[in-house]
Amino acid sequence: MHIIARKRLLDFSKMYPDCSSAIESWYRIVKHTDFDSFAALRATFPSADKVGKLTVFNIGGNKARLIAAIHYNAHRVYIRDILTHAEYDRGTWRQK
C-alpha cells in the first residue's frame, strides 16, 4: 500500500517516543501488504474499526489512535490524523 502523509507519523513519534516502535511497525506492515478489503485488513489488524468512511487503528497497546481513509482499489492509505487515546476520546477529530 502507498501511505500518504508519513510525516504525520514521524511528527507524532517525535512528540510521543514511547509509541515510535509501534508506529514504525504499523507502517512497515501496511507498506508491504496490499489489502484488497476491510476484511483482509482486519485479518492483520483485528482491532481496526470502521468509523463512517474512515478506519481507526489502535497503536501501541491503545496508547494512540491512527485515523486513515483507505482506498483499497488504488492501494492507498491517507493518514488523516494520529492522536493520543485521550485526544481521540474528545471526538473533535470527527468535525475536521
N, C-alpha and C. Protein backbone atom coordinates (compact mmCIF):
# COMPACT_ATOMS: atom_id res chain seq x y z
N MET A 1 0.85 -1.18 0.00
CA MET A 1 0.00 0.00 0.00
C MET A 1 0.89 1.24 0.00
N HIS A 2 0.41 2.25 -0.64
CA HIS A 2 1.11 3.53 -0.66
C HIS A 2 0.54 4.38 0.47
N ILE A 3 1.38 4.79 1.40
CA ILE A 3 0.95 5.56 2.57
C ILE A 3 1.24 7.03 2.34
N ILE A 4 0.20 7.83 2.41
CA ILE A 4 0.34 9.26 2.15
C ILE A 4 0.29 10.01 3.47
N ALA A 5 1.26 10.88 3.63
CA ALA A 5 1.43 11.73 4.81
C ALA A 5 2.18 10.99 5.92
N ARG A 6 3.26 10.33 5.56
CA ARG A 6 4.09 9.67 6.58
C ARG A 6 4.63 10.68 7.59
N LYS A 7 4.75 11.94 7.16
CA LYS A 7 5.27 12.97 8.04
C LYS A 7 4.45 13.06 9.33
N ARG A 8 3.15 12.83 9.24
CA ARG A 8 2.32 12.85 10.45
C ARG A 8 2.76 11.77 11.44
N LEU A 9 3.14 10.62 10.92
CA LEU A 9 3.63 9.54 11.78
C LEU A 9 4.94 9.94 12.44
N LEU A 10 5.84 10.51 11.64
CA LEU A 10 7.14 10.90 12.17
C LEU A 10 7.01 12.01 13.22
N ASP A 11 6.14 12.98 12.96
CA ASP A 11 5.93 14.07 13.92
C ASP A 11 5.35 13.54 15.23
N PHE A 12 4.38 12.64 15.13
CA PHE A 12 3.78 12.08 16.34
C PHE A 12 4.82 11.27 17.11
N SER A 13 5.66 10.52 16.40
CA SER A 13 6.70 9.72 17.05
C SER A 13 7.70 10.59 17.81
N LYS A 14 7.98 11.77 17.28
CA LYS A 14 8.89 12.69 17.98
C LYS A 14 8.24 13.22 19.26
N MET A 15 6.94 13.50 19.20
CA MET A 15 6.24 14.03 20.37
C MET A 15 5.98 12.96 21.42
N TYR A 16 5.77 11.72 20.97
CA TYR A 16 5.46 10.60 21.87
C TYR A 16 6.38 9.42 21.54
N PRO A 17 7.65 9.48 21.98
CA PRO A 17 8.62 8.45 21.63
C PRO A 17 8.26 7.05 22.12
N ASP A 18 7.42 6.94 23.14
CA ASP A 18 7.03 5.62 23.62
C ASP A 18 6.14 4.88 22.60
N CYS A 19 5.62 5.59 21.62
CA CYS A 19 4.79 4.98 20.56
C CYS A 19 5.56 4.76 19.27
N SER A 20 6.79 5.23 19.19
CA SER A 20 7.51 5.22 17.91
C SER A 20 7.73 3.82 17.34
N SER A 21 8.07 2.85 18.16
CA SER A 21 8.30 1.50 17.63
C SER A 21 7.00 0.88 17.12
N ALA A 22 5.89 1.13 17.81
CA ALA A 22 4.60 0.60 17.36
C ALA A 22 4.17 1.27 16.06
N ILE A 23 4.41 2.57 15.93
CA ILE A 23 4.06 3.29 14.70
C ILE A 23 4.91 2.78 13.54
N GLU A 24 6.19 2.59 13.78
CA GLU A 24 7.08 2.09 12.72
C GLU A 24 6.67 0.68 12.31
N SER A 25 6.28 -0.14 13.25
CA SER A 25 5.82 -1.50 12.94
C SER A 25 4.55 -1.45 12.09
N TRP A 26 3.59 -0.61 12.46
CA TRP A 26 2.36 -0.45 11.68
C TRP A 26 2.71 -0.02 10.26
N TYR A 27 3.59 0.98 10.15
CA TYR A 27 3.99 1.50 8.84
C TYR A 27 4.58 0.39 7.96
N ARG A 28 5.52 -0.37 8.51
CA ARG A 28 6.16 -1.44 7.72
C ARG A 28 5.16 -2.49 7.25
N ILE A 29 4.26 -2.89 8.13
CA ILE A 29 3.27 -3.90 7.77
C ILE A 29 2.36 -3.39 6.65
N VAL A 30 1.83 -2.18 6.82
CA VAL A 30 0.90 -1.64 5.82
C VAL A 30 1.62 -1.36 4.50
N LYS A 31 2.81 -0.84 4.58
CA LYS A 31 3.58 -0.51 3.36
C LYS A 31 3.83 -1.75 2.50
N HIS A 32 4.06 -2.88 3.12
CA HIS A 32 4.43 -4.09 2.38
C HIS A 32 3.29 -5.07 2.18
N THR A 33 2.05 -4.63 2.44
CA THR A 33 0.90 -5.51 2.26
C THR A 33 -0.14 -4.79 1.40
N ASP A 34 -0.66 -5.46 0.39
CA ASP A 34 -1.72 -4.90 -0.44
C ASP A 34 -3.06 -5.46 0.02
N PHE A 35 -3.73 -4.74 0.88
CA PHE A 35 -5.04 -5.16 1.36
C PHE A 35 -6.06 -4.85 0.27
N ASP A 36 -6.95 -5.80 0.00
CA ASP A 36 -7.96 -5.57 -1.03
C ASP A 36 -9.35 -5.33 -0.45
N SER A 37 -9.47 -5.42 0.88
CA SER A 37 -10.76 -5.18 1.52
C SER A 37 -10.54 -4.94 3.01
N PHE A 38 -11.60 -4.45 3.67
CA PHE A 38 -11.52 -4.26 5.11
C PHE A 38 -11.36 -5.59 5.82
N ALA A 39 -11.98 -6.63 5.30
CA ALA A 39 -11.87 -7.97 5.91
C ALA A 39 -10.41 -8.44 5.89
N ALA A 40 -9.72 -8.21 4.78
CA ALA A 40 -8.30 -8.58 4.69
C ALA A 40 -7.47 -7.77 5.67
N LEU A 41 -7.80 -6.51 5.81
CA LEU A 41 -7.09 -5.65 6.75
C LEU A 41 -7.31 -6.13 8.18
N ARG A 42 -8.55 -6.51 8.51
CA ARG A 42 -8.87 -6.99 9.85
C ARG A 42 -8.16 -8.29 10.19
N ALA A 43 -7.81 -9.09 9.18
CA ALA A 43 -7.06 -10.32 9.43
C ALA A 43 -5.69 -9.99 10.01
N THR A 44 -5.12 -8.86 9.59
CA THR A 44 -3.81 -8.43 10.09
C THR A 44 -3.94 -7.53 11.31
N PHE A 45 -4.95 -6.67 11.32
CA PHE A 45 -5.18 -5.72 12.41
C PHE A 45 -6.58 -5.95 12.98
N PRO A 46 -6.74 -6.95 13.86
CA PRO A 46 -8.08 -7.29 14.37
C PRO A 46 -8.77 -6.17 15.15
N SER A 47 -8.01 -5.23 15.67
CA SER A 47 -8.64 -4.16 16.45
C SER A 47 -9.03 -2.95 15.59
N ALA A 48 -8.78 -3.01 14.29
CA ALA A 48 -9.16 -1.91 13.40
C ALA A 48 -10.68 -1.81 13.34
N ASP A 49 -11.18 -0.58 13.33
CA ASP A 49 -12.62 -0.34 13.29
C ASP A 49 -12.97 0.61 12.16
N LYS A 50 -14.14 0.42 11.59
CA LYS A 50 -14.68 1.36 10.61
C LYS A 50 -15.49 2.40 11.37
N VAL A 51 -15.22 3.67 11.09
CA VAL A 51 -15.99 4.77 11.64
C VAL A 51 -16.39 5.63 10.45
N GLY A 52 -17.58 5.41 9.96
CA GLY A 52 -18.00 6.07 8.72
C GLY A 52 -17.16 5.55 7.58
N LYS A 53 -16.56 6.46 6.84
CA LYS A 53 -15.69 6.07 5.71
C LYS A 53 -14.24 5.92 6.13
N LEU A 54 -13.95 6.10 7.40
CA LEU A 54 -12.58 6.05 7.90
C LEU A 54 -12.31 4.74 8.64
N THR A 55 -11.03 4.42 8.75
CA THR A 55 -10.59 3.26 9.52
C THR A 55 -9.75 3.76 10.68
N VAL A 56 -10.02 3.24 11.87
CA VAL A 56 -9.30 3.66 13.07
C VAL A 56 -8.49 2.46 13.58
N PHE A 57 -7.19 2.69 13.77
CA PHE A 57 -6.27 1.66 14.27
C PHE A 57 -5.86 2.01 15.70
N ASN A 58 -5.81 1.00 16.55
CA ASN A 58 -5.22 1.16 17.88
C ASN A 58 -3.73 0.90 17.74
N ILE A 59 -2.92 1.83 18.21
CA ILE A 59 -1.47 1.73 18.05
C ILE A 59 -0.82 1.69 19.43
N GLY A 60 0.16 0.84 19.58
CA GLY A 60 0.96 0.81 20.80
C GLY A 60 0.18 0.42 22.03
N GLY A 61 -0.58 -0.65 21.95
CA GLY A 61 -1.33 -1.09 23.11
C GLY A 61 -2.39 -0.08 23.52
N ASN A 62 -3.02 0.54 22.52
CA ASN A 62 -4.10 1.50 22.75
C ASN A 62 -3.61 2.85 23.26
N LYS A 63 -2.32 3.15 23.11
CA LYS A 63 -1.80 4.45 23.52
C LYS A 63 -2.18 5.54 22.51
N ALA A 64 -2.31 5.15 21.25
CA ALA A 64 -2.60 6.11 20.19
C ALA A 64 -3.64 5.53 19.24
N ARG A 65 -4.29 6.43 18.51
CA ARG A 65 -5.27 6.04 17.50
C ARG A 65 -4.86 6.68 16.18
N LEU A 66 -4.75 5.85 15.17
CA LEU A 66 -4.42 6.32 13.84
C LEU A 66 -5.69 6.29 13.01
N ILE A 67 -6.05 7.42 12.42
CA ILE A 67 -7.27 7.54 11.64
C ILE A 67 -6.87 7.69 10.18
N ALA A 68 -7.40 6.81 9.33
CA ALA A 68 -6.99 6.80 7.93
C ALA A 68 -8.18 6.57 7.00
N ALA A 69 -8.06 7.13 5.82
CA ALA A 69 -9.00 6.83 4.73
C ALA A 69 -8.26 5.85 3.83
N ILE A 70 -8.84 4.70 3.61
CA ILE A 70 -8.16 3.66 2.82
C ILE A 70 -8.93 3.45 1.53
N HIS A 71 -8.21 3.55 0.43
CA HIS A 71 -8.78 3.30 -0.90
C HIS A 71 -8.18 1.97 -1.38
N TYR A 72 -8.91 0.90 -1.13
CA TYR A 72 -8.41 -0.44 -1.42
C TYR A 72 -8.15 -0.64 -2.91
N ASN A 73 -9.01 -0.08 -3.78
CA ASN A 73 -8.84 -0.27 -5.22
C ASN A 73 -7.58 0.43 -5.74
N ALA A 74 -7.18 1.53 -5.13
CA ALA A 74 -5.98 2.26 -5.55
C ALA A 74 -4.77 1.89 -4.70
N HIS A 75 -4.96 1.06 -3.69
CA HIS A 75 -3.88 0.64 -2.77
C HIS A 75 -3.22 1.85 -2.11
N ARG A 76 -4.07 2.77 -1.61
CA ARG A 76 -3.56 3.96 -0.95
C ARG A 76 -4.17 4.11 0.43
N VAL A 77 -3.33 4.57 1.37
CA VAL A 77 -3.77 4.86 2.73
C VAL A 77 -3.46 6.33 2.98
N TYR A 78 -4.50 7.11 3.22
CA TYR A 78 -4.34 8.53 3.52
C TYR A 78 -4.48 8.70 5.04
N ILE A 79 -3.39 9.07 5.68
CA ILE A 79 -3.42 9.26 7.13
C ILE A 79 -4.07 10.60 7.42
N ARG A 80 -5.22 10.53 8.04
CA ARG A 80 -5.96 11.75 8.36
C ARG A 80 -5.46 12.36 9.64
N ASP A 81 -5.19 11.50 10.64
CA ASP A 81 -4.74 12.01 11.94
C ASP A 81 -4.17 10.87 12.76
N ILE A 82 -3.34 11.20 13.70
CA ILE A 82 -2.89 10.26 14.72
C ILE A 82 -2.94 11.02 16.04
N LEU A 83 -3.64 10.41 16.98
CA LEU A 83 -3.95 11.08 18.24
C LEU A 83 -3.66 10.19 19.43
N THR A 84 -3.45 10.82 20.57
CA THR A 84 -3.38 10.02 21.80
C THR A 84 -4.79 9.50 22.07
N HIS A 85 -4.88 8.52 22.93
CA HIS A 85 -6.18 7.95 23.26
C HIS A 85 -7.11 9.03 23.84
N ALA A 86 -6.58 9.89 24.68
CA ALA A 86 -7.39 10.96 25.29
C ALA A 86 -7.87 11.96 24.24
N GLU A 87 -7.01 12.34 23.30
CA GLU A 87 -7.41 13.25 22.23
C GLU A 87 -8.51 12.63 21.37
N TYR A 88 -8.36 11.36 21.07
CA TYR A 88 -9.35 10.65 20.26
C TYR A 88 -10.71 10.64 20.96
N ASP A 89 -10.71 10.37 22.26
CA ASP A 89 -11.96 10.28 23.01
C ASP A 89 -12.72 11.61 23.06
N ARG A 90 -12.01 12.73 22.94
CA ARG A 90 -12.70 14.03 22.92
C ARG A 90 -13.60 14.16 21.69
N GLY A 91 -13.25 13.46 20.61
CA GLY A 91 -14.10 13.42 19.42
C GLY A 91 -14.00 14.60 18.48
N THR A 92 -13.10 15.55 18.73
CA THR A 92 -13.01 16.71 17.86
C THR A 92 -12.50 16.35 16.46
N TRP A 93 -11.85 15.21 16.32
CA TRP A 93 -11.36 14.77 15.00
C TRP A 93 -12.51 14.51 14.03
N ARG A 94 -13.69 14.23 14.54
CA ARG A 94 -14.84 13.94 13.67
C ARG A 94 -15.33 15.19 12.93
N GLN A 95 -15.04 16.37 13.46
CA GLN A 95 -15.51 17.60 12.83
C GLN A 95 -14.56 18.13 11.76
N LYS A 96 -13.42 17.54 11.59
CA LYS A 96 -12.44 18.03 10.60
C LYS A 96 -12.91 17.74 9.21
